[in-house]
Amino acid sequence: MASFKSNTQIPLDIDGHQFVIDGISKTVMTAVQVITKRSAELVDRKIDANNSVQLLEQVDDMAAICKDFLTSVLGLVGYEELMADRVDDVAYLSDVCQYILQEITAAKTARINRMMGRS
């Protein structure tokens, strides 16, 4: 008997930590939509570039957006594992989020190409 097994798993290697996420799970898709929306809102927010308090608030907000995304995608345990030896650095968090978003996009593109017979 033939069987069907969907393969939507995306392996991630982040600083030596191995994770596997389901690229089309509702949780991951929602997390992608949320980080995209919240990041765009943050960029559109009008702030005074000379106001250090506003700039620090924007950095803190970006760190929170990234942390929420990583916690949603990797799970709380995965996030804590990844950050065990690190401080919350917004540049690092943002880089990790970008890496994961790129991997999700690449997996979706490859899946569409297979569907269209391009692979």
PDB file of N, CA and C in Angstrom:
ATOM      1  N   MET A   1       0.845  -1.175   0.000  1.00  0.00           N
ATOM      2  CA  MET A   1       0.000   0.000   0.000  1.00  0.00           C
ATOM      3  C   MET A   1       0.890   1.238   0.000  1.00  0.00           C
ATOM      4  N   ALA A   2       0.610   2.160  -0.878  1.00  0.00           N
ATOM      5  CA  ALA A   2       1.348   3.420  -0.934  1.00  0.00           C
ATOM      6  C   ALA A   2       0.906   4.315   0.214  1.00  0.00           C
ATOM      7  N   SER A   3       1.801   5.158   0.632  1.00  0.00           N
ATOM      8  CA  SER A   3       1.454   6.104   1.700  1.00  0.00           C
ATOM      9  C   SER A   3       1.971   7.479   1.331  1.00  0.00           C
ATOM     10  N   PHE A   4       1.386   8.464   1.955  1.00  0.00           N
ATOM     11  CA  PHE A   4       1.780   9.849   1.726  1.00  0.00           C
ATOM     12  C   PHE A   4       2.332  10.407   3.026  1.00  0.00           C
ATOM     13  N   LYS A   5       3.478  11.057   2.922  1.00  0.00           N
ATOM     14  CA  LYS A   5       4.057  11.720   4.088  1.00  0.00           C
ATOM     15  C   LYS A   5       4.485  13.110   3.644  1.00  0.00           C
ATOM     16  N   SER A   6       3.859  14.108   4.211  1.00  0.00           N
ATOM     17  CA  SER A   6       4.200  15.484   3.895  1.00  0.00           C
ATOM     18  C   SER A   6       5.539  15.839   4.534  1.00  0.00           C
ATOM     19  N   ASN A   7       6.367  16.542   3.809  1.00  0.00           N
ATOM     20  CA  ASN A   7       7.655  16.947   4.349  1.00  0.00           C
ATOM     21  C   ASN A   7       7.748  18.467   4.323  1.00  0.00           C
ATOM     22  N   THR A   8       7.317  19.084   5.390  1.00  0.00           N
ATOM     23  CA  THR A   8       7.368  20.533   5.499  1.00  0.00           C
ATOM     24  C   THR A   8       8.318  20.968   6.604  1.00  0.00           C
ATOM     25  N   GLN A   9       9.154  20.039   7.035  1.00  0.00           N
ATOM     26  CA  GLN A   9      10.089  20.324   8.119  1.00  0.00           C
ATOM     27  C   GLN A   9      11.268  21.146   7.601  1.00  0.00           C
ATOM     28  N   ILE A  10      11.641  22.157   8.370  1.00  0.00           N
ATOM     29  CA  ILE A  10      12.776  23.010   8.015  1.00  0.00           C
ATOM     30  C   ILE A  10      13.814  22.880   9.120  1.00  0.00           C
ATOM     31  N   PRO A  11      14.985  22.333   8.783  1.00  0.00           N
ATOM     32  CA  PRO A  11      16.043  22.247   9.794  1.00  0.00           C
ATOM     33  C   PRO A  11      16.731  23.606   9.940  1.00  0.00           C
ATOM     34  N   LEU A  12      16.998  23.980  11.164  1.00  0.00           N
ATOM     35  CA  LEU A  12      17.683  25.235  11.457  1.00  0.00           C
ATOM     36  C   LEU A  12      18.917  24.942  12.303  1.00  0.00           C
ATOM     37  N   ASP A  13      20.020  25.558  11.947  1.00  0.00           N
ATOM     38  CA  ASP A  13      21.248  25.445  12.723  1.00  0.00           C
ATOM     39  C   ASP A  13      21.619  26.861  13.155  1.00  0.00           C
ATOM     40  N   ILE A  14      21.411  27.145  14.434  1.00  0.00           N
ATOM     41  CA  ILE A  14      21.648  28.491  14.952  1.00  0.00           C
ATOM     42  C   ILE A  14      22.732  28.399  16.018  1.00  0.00           C
ATOM     43  N   ASP A  15      23.909  28.870  15.680  1.00  0.00           N
ATOM     44  CA  ASP A  15      25.046  28.846  16.609  1.00  0.00           C
ATOM     45  C   ASP A  15      25.245  27.481  17.257  1.00  0.00           C
ATOM     46  N   GLY A  16      25.163  26.441  16.444  1.00  0.00           N
ATOM     47  CA  GLY A  16      25.395  25.089  16.936  1.00  0.00           C
ATOM     48  C   GLY A  16      24.185  24.429  17.561  1.00  0.00           C
ATOM     49  N   HIS A  17      23.098  25.157  17.702  1.00  0.00           N
ATOM     50  CA  HIS A  17      21.852  24.583  18.230  1.00  0.00           C
ATOM     51  C   HIS A  17      21.009  24.127  17.043  1.00  0.00           C
ATOM     52  N   GLN A  18      20.524  22.903  17.124  1.00  0.00           N
ATOM     53  CA  GLN A  18      19.728  22.335  16.036  1.00  0.00           C
ATOM     54  C   GLN A  18      18.247  22.411  16.389  1.00  0.00           C
ATOM     55  N   PHE A  19      17.463  22.936  15.466  1.00  0.00           N
ATOM     56  CA  PHE A  19      16.016  23.018  15.620  1.00  0.00           C
ATOM     57  C   PHE A  19      15.377  22.516  14.333  1.00  0.00           C
ATOM     58  N   VAL A  20      14.173  22.021  14.431  1.00  0.00           N
ATOM     59  CA  VAL A  20      13.381  21.665  13.261  1.00  0.00           C
ATOM     60  C   VAL A  20      12.004  22.270  13.467  1.00  0.00           C
ATOM     61  N   ILE A  21      11.565  23.059  12.487  1.00  0.00           N
ATOM     62  CA  ILE A  21      10.245  23.672  12.569  1.00  0.00           C
ATOM     63  C   ILE A  21       9.408  23.194  11.394  1.00  0.00           C
ATOM     64  N   ASP A  22       8.106  23.210  11.574  1.00  0.00           N
ATOM     65  CA  ASP A  22       7.180  22.883  10.491  1.00  0.00           C
ATOM     66  C   ASP A  22       6.881  24.187   9.754  1.00  0.00           C
ATOM     67  N   GLY A  23       7.395  24.298   8.554  1.00  0.00           N
ATOM     68  CA  GLY A  23       7.317  25.543   7.805  1.00  0.00           C
ATOM     69  C   GLY A  23       5.935  26.017   7.442  1.00  0.00           C
ATOM     70  N   ILE A  24       4.946  25.125   7.478  1.00  0.00           N
ATOM     71  CA  ILE A  24       3.591  25.565   7.136  1.00  0.00           C
ATOM     72  C   ILE A  24       2.602  25.344   8.276  1.00  0.00           C
ATOM     73  N   SER A  25       3.122  25.178   9.481  1.00  0.00           N
ATOM     74  CA  SER A  25       2.202  25.040  10.602  1.00  0.00           C
ATOM     75  C   SER A  25       1.507  26.375  10.853  1.00  0.00           C
ATOM     76  N   LYS A  26       0.344  26.315  11.427  1.00  0.00           N
ATOM     77  CA  LYS A  26      -0.419  27.518  11.726  1.00  0.00           C
ATOM     78  C   LYS A  26       0.367  28.434  12.670  1.00  0.00           C
ATOM     79  N   THR A  27       1.064  27.838  13.630  1.00  0.00           N
ATOM     80  CA  THR A  27       1.849  28.613  14.586  1.00  0.00           C
ATOM     81  C   THR A  27       2.945  29.404  13.877  1.00  0.00           C
ATOM     82  N   VAL A  28       3.675  28.742  12.988  1.00  0.00           N
ATOM     83  CA  VAL A  28       4.768  29.407  12.272  1.00  0.00           C
ATOM     84  C   VAL A  28       4.209  30.469  11.327  1.00  0.00           C
ATOM     85  N   MET A  29       3.180  30.162  10.587  1.00  0.00           N
ATOM     86  CA  MET A  29       2.607  31.132   9.657  1.00  0.00           C
ATOM     87  C   MET A  29       2.077  32.363  10.396  1.00  0.00           C
ATOM     88  N   THR A  30       1.437  32.146  11.537  1.00  0.00           N
ATOM     89  CA  THR A  30       0.941  33.265  12.337  1.00  0.00           C
ATOM     90  C   THR A  30       2.105  34.089  12.862  1.00  0.00           C
ATOM     91  N   ALA A  31       3.159  33.430  13.327  1.00  0.00           N
ATOM     92  CA  ALA A  31       4.330  34.141  13.844  1.00  0.00           C
ATOM     93  C   ALA A  31       4.968  35.006  12.755  1.00  0.00           C
ATOM     94  N   VAL A  32       5.033  34.500  11.528  1.00  0.00           N
ATOM     95  CA  VAL A  32       5.584  35.267  10.415  1.00  0.00           C
ATOM     96  C   VAL A  32       4.720  36.498  10.145  1.00  0.00           C
ATOM     97  N   GLN A  33       3.419  36.317  10.132  1.00  0.00           N
ATOM     98  CA  GLN A  33       2.516  37.456   9.911  1.00  0.00           C
ATOM     99  C   GLN A  33       2.646  38.500  11.013  1.00  0.00           C
ATOM    100  N   VAL A  34       2.746  38.038  12.247  1.00  0.00           N
ATOM    101  CA  VAL A  34       2.827  38.961  13.382  1.00  0.00           C
ATOM    102  C   VAL A  34       4.128  39.751  13.361  1.00  0.00           C
ATOM    103  N   ILE A  35       5.268  39.072  13.149  1.00  0.00           N
ATOM    104  CA  ILE A  35       6.537  39.812  13.150  1.00  0.00           C
ATOM    105  C   ILE A  35       6.586  40.802  11.989  1.00  0.00           C
ATOM    106  N   THR A  36       6.026  40.426  10.860  1.00  0.00           N
ATOM    107  CA  THR A  36       6.001  41.327   9.706  1.00  0.00           C
ATOM    108  C   THR A  36       5.177  42.566  10.015  1.00  0.00           C
ATOM    109  N   LYS A  37       4.004  42.361  10.572  1.00  0.00           N
ATOM    110  CA  LYS A  37       3.099  43.479  10.890  1.00  0.00           C
ATOM    111  C   LYS A  37       3.681  44.371  11.982  1.00  0.00           C
ATOM    112  N   ARG A  38       4.154  43.759  13.061  1.00  0.00           N
ATOM    113  CA  ARG A  38       4.672  44.549  14.181  1.00  0.00           C
ATOM    114  C   ARG A  38       5.945  45.302  13.801  1.00  0.00           C
ATOM    115  N   SER A  39       6.794  44.692  12.987  1.00  0.00           N
ATOM    116  CA  SER A  39       8.021  45.368  12.548  1.00  0.00           C
ATOM    117  C   SER A  39       7.691  46.560  11.662  1.00  0.00           C
ATOM    118  N   ALA A  40       6.734  46.396  10.762  1.00  0.00           N
ATOM    119  CA  ALA A  40       6.327  47.502   9.890  1.00  0.00           C
ATOM    120  C   ALA A  40       5.738  48.648  10.710  1.00  0.00           C
ATOM    121  N   GLU A  41       4.938  48.313  11.709  1.00  0.00           N
ATOM    122  CA  GLU A  41       4.369  49.348  12.576  1.00  0.00           C
ATOM    123  C   GLU A  41       5.469  50.084  13.333  1.00  0.00           C
ATOM    124  N   LEU A  42       6.468  49.356  13.778  1.00  0.00           N
ATOM    125  CA  LEU A  42       7.576  49.966  14.510  1.00  0.00           C
ATOM    126  C   LEU A  42       8.360  50.924  13.613  1.00  0.00           C
ATOM    127  N   VAL A  43       8.607  50.516  12.382  1.00  0.00           N
ATOM    128  CA  VAL A  43       9.340  51.357  11.433  1.00  0.00           C
ATOM    129  C   VAL A  43       8.538  52.612  11.104  1.00  0.00           C
ATOM    130  N   ASP A  44       7.219  52.475  11.000  1.00  0.00           N
ATOM    131  CA  ASP A  44       6.357  53.606  10.654  1.00  0.00           C
ATOM    132  C   ASP A  44       6.144  54.577  11.815  1.00  0.00           C
ATOM    133  N   ARG A  45       6.481  54.150  13.014  1.00  0.00           N
ATOM    134  CA  ARG A  45       6.281  55.002  14.185  1.00  0.00           C
ATOM    135  C   ARG A  45       7.159  56.248  14.069  1.00  0.00           C
ATOM    136  N   LYS A  46       6.566  57.387  14.275  1.00  0.00           N
ATOM    137  CA  LYS A  46       7.309  58.645  14.199  1.00  0.00           C
ATOM    138  C   LYS A  46       8.030  58.885  15.522  1.00  0.00           C
ATOM    139  N   ILE A  47       9.338  58.969  15.431  1.00  0.00           N
ATOM    140  CA  ILE A  47      10.124  59.279  16.626  1.00  0.00           C
ATOM    141  C   ILE A  47      11.111  60.392  16.307  1.00  0.00           C
ATOM    142  N   ASP A  48      11.537  61.061  17.343  1.00  0.00           N
ATOM    143  CA  ASP A  48      12.540  62.107  17.221  1.00  0.00           C
ATOM    144  C   ASP A  48      13.908  61.448  17.341  1.00  0.00           C
ATOM    145  N   ALA A  49      14.678  61.473  16.273  1.00  0.00           N
ATOM    146  CA  ALA A  49      15.985  60.814  16.254  1.00  0.00           C
ATOM    147  C   ALA A  49      16.953  61.390  17.284  1.00  0.00           C
ATOM    148  N   ASN A  50      16.659  62.564  17.791  1.00  0.00           N
ATOM    149  CA  ASN A  50      17.514  63.178  18.811  1.00  0.00           C
ATOM    150  C   ASN A  50      17.056  62.843  20.225  1.00  0.00           C
ATOM    151  N   ASN A  51      15.957  62.120  20.341  1.00  0.00           N
ATOM    152  CA  ASN A  51      15.421  61.774  21.656  1.00  0.00           C
ATOM    153  C   ASN A  51      15.899  60.366  22.025  1.00  0.00           C
ATOM    154  N   SER A  52      16.871  60.295  22.907  1.00  0.00           N
ATOM    155  CA  SER A  52      17.464  59.000  23.249  1.00  0.00           C
ATOM    156  C   SER A  52      16.467  58.081  23.943  1.00  0.00           C
ATOM    157  N   VAL A  53      15.522  58.625  24.670  1.00  0.00           N
ATOM    158  CA  VAL A  53      14.512  57.793  25.334  1.00  0.00           C
ATOM    159  C   VAL A  53      13.649  57.092  24.289  1.00  0.00           C
ATOM    160  N   GLN A  54      13.213  57.836  23.281  1.00  0.00           N
ATOM    161  CA  GLN A  54      12.402  57.240  22.213  1.00  0.00           C
ATOM    162  C   GLN A  54      13.198  56.196  21.437  1.00  0.00           C
ATOM    163  N   LEU A  55      14.460  56.474  21.174  1.00  0.00           N
ATOM    164  CA  LEU A  55      15.297  55.509  20.451  1.00  0.00           C
ATOM    165  C   LEU A  55      15.472  54.225  21.254  1.00  0.00           C
ATOM    166  N   LEU A  56      15.712  54.341  22.551  1.00  0.00           N
ATOM    167  CA  LEU A  56      15.857  53.164  23.403  1.00  0.00           C
ATOM    168  C   LEU A  56      14.546  52.376  23.485  1.00  0.00           C
ATOM    169  N   GLU A  57      13.433  53.088  23.535  1.00  0.00           N
ATOM    170  CA  GLU A  57      12.130  52.404  23.537  1.00  0.00           C
ATOM    171  C   GLU A  57      11.938  51.630  22.242  1.00  0.00           C
ATOM    172  N   GLN A  58      12.346  52.204  21.121  1.00  0.00           N
ATOM    173  CA  GLN A  58      12.212  51.522  19.833  1.00  0.00           C
ATOM    174  C   GLN A  58      13.088  50.274  19.797  1.00  0.00           C
ATOM    175  N   VAL A  59      14.296  50.371  20.322  1.00  0.00           N
ATOM    176  CA  VAL A  59      15.186  49.206  20.387  1.00  0.00           C
ATOM    177  C   VAL A  59      14.574  48.132  21.279  1.00  0.00           C
ATOM    178  N   ASP A  60      14.055  48.523  22.437  1.00  0.00           N
ATOM    179  CA  ASP A  60      13.410  47.569  23.341  1.00  0.00           C
ATOM    180  C   ASP A  60      12.196  46.918  22.691  1.00  0.00           C
ATOM    181  N   ASP A  61      11.422  47.713  21.949  1.00  0.00           N
ATOM    182  CA  ASP A  61      10.251  47.162  21.257  1.00  0.00           C
ATOM    183  C   ASP A  61      10.667  46.152  20.189  1.00  0.00           C
ATOM    184  N   MET A  62      11.749  46.447  19.460  1.00  0.00           N
ATOM    185  CA  MET A  62      12.225  45.513  18.438  1.00  0.00           C
ATOM    186  C   MET A  62      12.711  44.222  19.083  1.00  0.00           C
ATOM    187  N   ALA A  63      13.403  44.339  20.212  1.00  0.00           N
ATOM    188  CA  ALA A  63      13.856  43.144  20.925  1.00  0.00           C
ATOM    189  C   ALA A  63      12.665  42.301  21.371  1.00  0.00           C
ATOM    190  N   ALA A  64      11.608  42.944  21.846  1.00  0.00           N
ATOM    191  CA  ALA A  64      10.407  42.225  22.278  1.00  0.00           C
ATOM    192  C   ALA A  64       9.724  41.530  21.105  1.00  0.00           C
ATOM    193  N   ILE A  65       9.667  42.209  19.957  1.00  0.00           N
ATOM    194  CA  ILE A  65       9.074  41.613  18.755  1.00  0.00           C
ATOM    195  C   ILE A  65       9.865  40.361  18.356  1.00  0.00           C
ATOM    196  N   CYS A  66      11.176  40.470  18.361  1.00  0.00           N
ATOM    197  CA  CYS A  66      12.026  39.331  17.993  1.00  0.00           C
ATOM    198  C   CYS A  66      11.874  38.187  18.992  1.00  0.00           C
ATOM    199  N   LYS A  67      11.877  38.517  20.261  1.00  0.00           N
ATOM    200  CA  LYS A  67      11.736  37.480  21.293  1.00  0.00           C
ATOM    201  C   LYS A  67      10.401  36.751  21.139  1.00  0.00           C
ATOM    202  N   ASP A  68       9.335  37.503  20.900  1.00  0.00           N
ATOM    203  CA  ASP A  68       8.019  36.879  20.708  1.00  0.00           C
ATOM    204  C   ASP A  68       8.033  35.943  19.500  1.00  0.00           C
ATOM    205  N   PHE A  69       8.654  36.374  18.405  1.00  0.00           N
ATOM    206  CA  PHE A  69       8.740  35.544  17.206  1.00  0.00           C
ATOM    207  C   PHE A  69       9.518  34.264  17.491  1.00  0.00           C
ATOM    208  N   LEU A  70      10.684  34.411  18.094  1.00  0.00           N
ATOM    209  CA  LEU A  70      11.525  33.241  18.365  1.00  0.00           C
ATOM    210  C   LEU A  70      10.852  32.282  19.330  1.00  0.00           C
ATOM    211  N   THR A  71      10.169  32.815  20.324  1.00  0.00           N
ATOM    212  CA  THR A  71       9.453  31.963  21.273  1.00  0.00           C
ATOM    213  C   THR A  71       8.317  31.219  20.571  1.00  0.00           C
ATOM    214  N   SER A  72       7.636  31.894  19.654  1.00  0.00           N
ATOM    215  CA  SER A  72       6.546  31.247  18.910  1.00  0.00           C
ATOM    216  C   SER A  72       7.073  30.137  18.003  1.00  0.00           C
ATOM    217  N   VAL A  73       8.173  30.400  17.316  1.00  0.00           N
ATOM    218  CA  VAL A  73       8.687  29.465  16.318  1.00  0.00           C
ATOM    219  C   VAL A  73       9.499  28.334  16.950  1.00  0.00           C
ATOM    220  N   LEU A  74      10.371  28.681  17.905  1.00  0.00           N
ATOM    221  CA  LEU A  74      11.251  27.678  18.516  1.00  0.00           C
ATOM    222  C   LEU A  74      10.677  27.093  19.795  1.00  0.00           C
ATOM    223  N   GLY A  75       9.656  27.716  20.335  1.00  0.00           N
ATOM    224  CA  GLY A  75       9.120  27.325  21.631  1.00  0.00           C
ATOM    225  C   GLY A  75       9.929  27.990  22.736  1.00  0.00           C
ATOM    226  N   LEU A  76       9.347  28.088  23.907  1.00  0.00           N
ATOM    227  CA  LEU A  76      10.025  28.740  25.021  1.00  0.00           C
ATOM    228  C   LEU A  76      11.310  28.010  25.395  1.00  0.00           C
ATOM    229  N   VAL A  77      11.259  26.683  25.412  1.00  0.00           N
ATOM    230  CA  VAL A  77      12.456  25.902  25.749  1.00  0.00           C
ATOM    231  C   VAL A  77      13.551  26.125  24.709  1.00  0.00           C
ATOM    232  N   GLY A  78      13.186  26.136  23.441  1.00  0.00           N
ATOM    233  CA  GLY A  78      14.149  26.381  22.375  1.00  0.00           C
ATOM    234  C   GLY A  78      14.764  27.765  22.479  1.00  0.00           C
ATOM    235  N   TYR A  79      13.930  28.750  22.758  1.00  0.00           N
ATOM    236  CA  TYR A  79      14.436  30.121  22.921  1.00  0.00           C
ATOM    237  C   TYR A  79      15.406  30.189  24.094  1.00  0.00           C
ATOM    238  N   GLU A  80      15.018  29.590  25.205  1.00  0.00           N
ATOM    239  CA  GLU A  80      15.889  29.613  26.388  1.00  0.00           C
ATOM    240  C   GLU A  80      17.196  28.868  26.131  1.00  0.00           C
ATOM    241  N   GLU A  81      17.133  27.778  25.384  1.00  0.00           N
ATOM    242  CA  GLU A  81      18.347  27.038  25.023  1.00  0.00           C
ATOM    243  C   GLU A  81      19.269  27.917  24.182  1.00  0.00           C
ATOM    244  N   LEU A  82      18.698  28.583  23.204  1.00  0.00           N
ATOM    245  CA  LEU A  82      19.472  29.442  22.317  1.00  0.00           C
ATOM    246  C   LEU A  82      20.111  30.606  23.071  1.00  0.00           C
ATOM    247  N   MET A  83      19.399  31.164  24.021  1.00  0.00           N
ATOM    248  CA  MET A  83      19.856  32.367  24.713  1.00  0.00           C
ATOM    249  C   MET A  83      20.540  32.087  26.048  1.00  0.00           C
ATOM    250  N   ALA A  84      20.762  30.822  26.377  1.00  0.00           N
ATOM    251  CA  ALA A  84      21.294  30.457  27.693  1.00  0.00           C
ATOM    252  C   ALA A  84      22.594  31.173  28.031  1.00  0.00           C
ATOM    253  N   ASP A  85      23.480  31.327  27.070  1.00  0.00           N
ATOM    254  CA  ASP A  85      24.774  31.951  27.327  1.00  0.00           C
ATOM    255  C   ASP A  85      24.877  33.353  26.743  1.00  0.00           C
ATOM    256  N   ARG A  86      23.754  33.970  26.474  1.00  0.00           N
ATOM    257  CA  ARG A  86      23.748  35.285  25.818  1.00  0.00           C
ATOM    258  C   ARG A  86      22.890  36.278  26.590  1.00  0.00           C
ATOM    259  N   VAL A  87      23.172  37.538  26.365  1.00  0.00           N
ATOM    260  CA  VAL A  87      22.295  38.593  26.843  1.00  0.00           C
ATOM    261  C   VAL A  87      21.337  38.929  25.700  1.00  0.00           C
ATOM    262  N   ASP A  88      20.222  39.543  26.036  1.00  0.00           N
ATOM    263  CA  ASP A  88      19.270  39.957  25.000  1.00  0.00           C
ATOM    264  C   ASP A  88      19.866  41.124  24.216  1.00  0.00           C
ATOM    265  N   ASP A  89      20.456  40.806  23.084  1.00  0.00           N
ATOM    266  CA  ASP A  89      21.057  41.803  22.204  1.00  0.00           C
ATOM    267  C   ASP A  89      20.161  41.925  20.981  1.00  0.00           C
ATOM    268  N   VAL A  90      19.613  43.100  20.750  1.00  0.00           N
ATOM    269  CA  VAL A  90      18.644  43.270  19.676  1.00  0.00           C
ATOM    270  C   VAL A  90      19.239  42.947  18.307  1.00  0.00           C
ATOM    271  N   ALA A  91      20.510  43.234  18.099  1.00  0.00           N
ATOM    272  CA  ALA A  91      21.129  42.929  16.803  1.00  0.00           C
ATOM    273  C   ALA A  91      21.183  41.413  16.585  1.00  0.00           C
ATOM    274  N   TYR A  92      21.575  40.665  17.617  1.00  0.00           N
ATOM    275  CA  TYR A  92      21.620  39.209  17.510  1.00  0.00           C
ATOM    276  C   TYR A  92      20.217  38.651  17.296  1.00  0.00           C
ATOM    277  N   LEU A  93      19.261  39.110  18.092  1.00  0.00           N
ATOM    278  CA  LEU A  93      17.886  38.625  17.962  1.00  0.00           C
ATOM    279  C   LEU A  93      17.343  38.899  16.561  1.00  0.00           C
ATOM    280  N   SER A  94      17.602  40.083  16.061  1.00  0.00           N
ATOM    281  CA  SER A  94      17.134  40.450  14.724  1.00  0.00           C
ATOM    282  C   SER A  94      17.794  39.578  13.655  1.00  0.00           C
ATOM    283  N   ASP A  95      19.090  39.333  13.792  1.00  0.00           N
ATOM    284  CA  ASP A  95      19.794  38.472  12.831  1.00  0.00           C
ATOM    285  C   ASP A  95      19.232  37.055  12.823  1.00  0.00           C
ATOM    286  N   VAL A  96      18.935  36.512  14.000  1.00  0.00           N
ATOM    287  CA  VAL A  96      18.369  35.161  14.082  1.00  0.00           C
ATOM    288  C   VAL A  96      16.984  35.134  13.447  1.00  0.00           C
ATOM    289  N   CYS A  97      16.187  36.160  13.716  1.00  0.00           N
ATOM    290  CA  CYS A  97      14.850  36.223  13.101  1.00  0.00           C
ATOM    291  C   CYS A  97      14.954  36.279  11.587  1.00  0.00           C
ATOM    292  N   GLN A  98      15.879  37.092  11.069  1.00  0.00           N
ATOM    293  CA  GLN A  98      16.066  37.190   9.622  1.00  0.00           C
ATOM    294  C   GLN A  98      16.485  35.853   9.024  1.00  0.00           C
ATOM    295  N   TYR A  99      17.380  35.154   9.707  1.00  0.00           N
ATOM    296  CA  TYR A  99      17.812  33.832   9.241  1.00  0.00           C
ATOM    297  C   TYR A  99      16.619  32.881   9.148  1.00  0.00           C
ATOM    298  N   ILE A 100      15.810  32.833  10.188  1.00  0.00           N
ATOM    299  CA  ILE A 100      14.659  31.926  10.201  1.00  0.00           C
ATOM    300  C   ILE A 100      13.664  32.317   9.115  1.00  0.00           C
ATOM    301  N   LEU A 101      13.399  33.602   8.969  1.00  0.00           N
ATOM    302  CA  LEU A 101      12.471  34.056   7.924  1.00  0.00           C
ATOM    303  C   LEU A 101      12.997  33.693   6.534  1.00  0.00           C
ATOM    304  N   GLN A 102      14.298  33.806   6.317  1.00  0.00           N
ATOM    305  CA  GLN A 102      14.882  33.437   5.026  1.00  0.00           C
ATOM    306  C   GLN A 102      14.744  31.932   4.770  1.00  0.00           C
ATOM    307  N   GLU A 103      14.935  31.135   5.796  1.00  0.00           N
ATOM    308  CA  GLU A 103      14.809  29.685   5.648  1.00  0.00           C
ATOM    309  C   GLU A 103      13.351  29.292   5.350  1.00  0.00           C
ATOM    310  N   ILE A 104      12.412  29.946   6.002  1.00  0.00           N
ATOM    311  CA  ILE A 104      10.993  29.681   5.745  1.00  0.00           C
ATOM    312  C   ILE A 104      10.651  30.059   4.307  1.00  0.00           C
ATOM    313  N   THR A 105      11.119  31.219   3.869  1.00  0.00           N
ATOM    314  CA  THR A 105      10.860  31.677   2.501  1.00  0.00           C
ATOM    315  C   THR A 105      11.484  30.734   1.476  1.00  0.00           C
ATOM    316  N   ALA A 106      12.716  30.301   1.718  1.00  0.00           N
ATOM    317  CA  ALA A 106      13.385  29.377   0.790  1.00  0.00           C
ATOM    318  C   ALA A 106      12.636  28.052   0.704  1.00  0.00           C
ATOM    319  N   ALA A 107      12.167  27.557   1.844  1.00  0.00           N
ATOM    320  CA  ALA A 107      11.426  26.288   1.851  1.00  0.00           C
ATOM    321  C   ALA A 107      10.103  26.432   1.103  1.00  0.00           C
ATOM    322  N   LYS A 108       9.413  27.548   1.305  1.00  0.00           N
ATOM    323  CA  LYS A 108       8.149  27.772   0.592  1.00  0.00           C
ATOM    324  C   LYS A 108       8.379  27.888  -0.909  1.00  0.00           C
ATOM    325  N   THR A 109       9.444  28.580  -1.298  1.00  0.00           N
ATOM    326  CA  THR A 109       9.770  28.738  -2.717  1.00  0.00           C
ATOM    327  C   THR A 109      10.085  27.386  -3.344  1.00  0.00           C
ATOM    328  N   ALA A 110      10.876  26.573  -2.650  1.00  0.00           N
ATOM    329  CA  ALA A 110      11.216  25.240  -3.158  1.00  0.00           C
ATOM    330  C   ALA A 110       9.963  24.388  -3.296  1.00  0.00           C
ATOM    331  N   ARG A 111       9.066  24.494  -2.343  1.00  0.00           N
ATOM    332  CA  ARG A 111       7.817  23.716  -2.389  1.00  0.00           C
ATOM    333  C   ARG A 111       6.962  24.135  -3.587  1.00  0.00           C
ATOM    334  N   ILE A 112       6.864  25.432  -3.823  1.00  0.00           N
ATOM    335  CA  ILE A 112       6.086  25.941  -4.966  1.00  0.00           C
ATOM    336  C   ILE A 112       6.736  25.492  -6.272  1.00  0.00           C
ATOM    337  N   ASN A 113       8.064  25.560  -6.328  1.00  0.00           N
ATOM    338  CA  ASN A 113       8.763  25.112  -7.541  1.00  0.00           C
ATOM    339  C   ASN A 113       8.518  23.634  -7.817  1.00  0.00           C
ATOM    340  N   ARG A 114       8.520  22.809  -6.764  1.00  0.00           N
ATOM    341  CA  ARG A 114       8.211  21.379  -6.953  1.00  0.00           C
ATOM    342  C   ARG A 114       6.793  21.197  -7.462  1.00  0.00           C
ATOM    343  N   MET A 115       5.871  21.972  -6.892  1.00  0.00           N
ATOM    344  CA  MET A 115       4.465  21.879  -7.291  1.00  0.00           C
ATOM    345  C   MET A 115       4.285  22.264  -8.755  1.00  0.00           C
ATOM    346  N   MET A 116       5.074  23.243  -9.204  1.00  0.00           N
ATOM    347  CA  MET A 116       4.964  23.720 -10.569  1.00  0.00           C
ATOM    348  C   MET A 116       5.844  22.931 -11.533  1.00  0.00           C
ATOM    349  N   GLY A 117       6.541  21.899 -11.011  1.00  0.00           N
ATOM    350  CA  GLY A 117       7.379  21.049 -11.839  1.00  0.00           C
ATOM    351  C   GLY A 117       8.680  21.714 -12.266  1.00  0.00           C
ATOM    352  N   ARG A 118       9.151  22.642 -11.462  1.00  0.00           N
ATOM    353  CA  ARG A 118      10.378  23.383 -11.811  1.00  0.00           C
ATOM    354  C   ARG A 118      11.624  22.832 -11.134  1.00  0.00           C
ATOM    355  N   SER A 119      11.496  21.807 -10.346  1.00  0.00           N
ATOM    356  CA  SER A 119      12.700  21.328  -9.649  1.00  0.00           C
ATOM    357  C   SER A 119      13.240  20.065 -10.247  1.00  0.00           C
TER     358      SER A 119
END
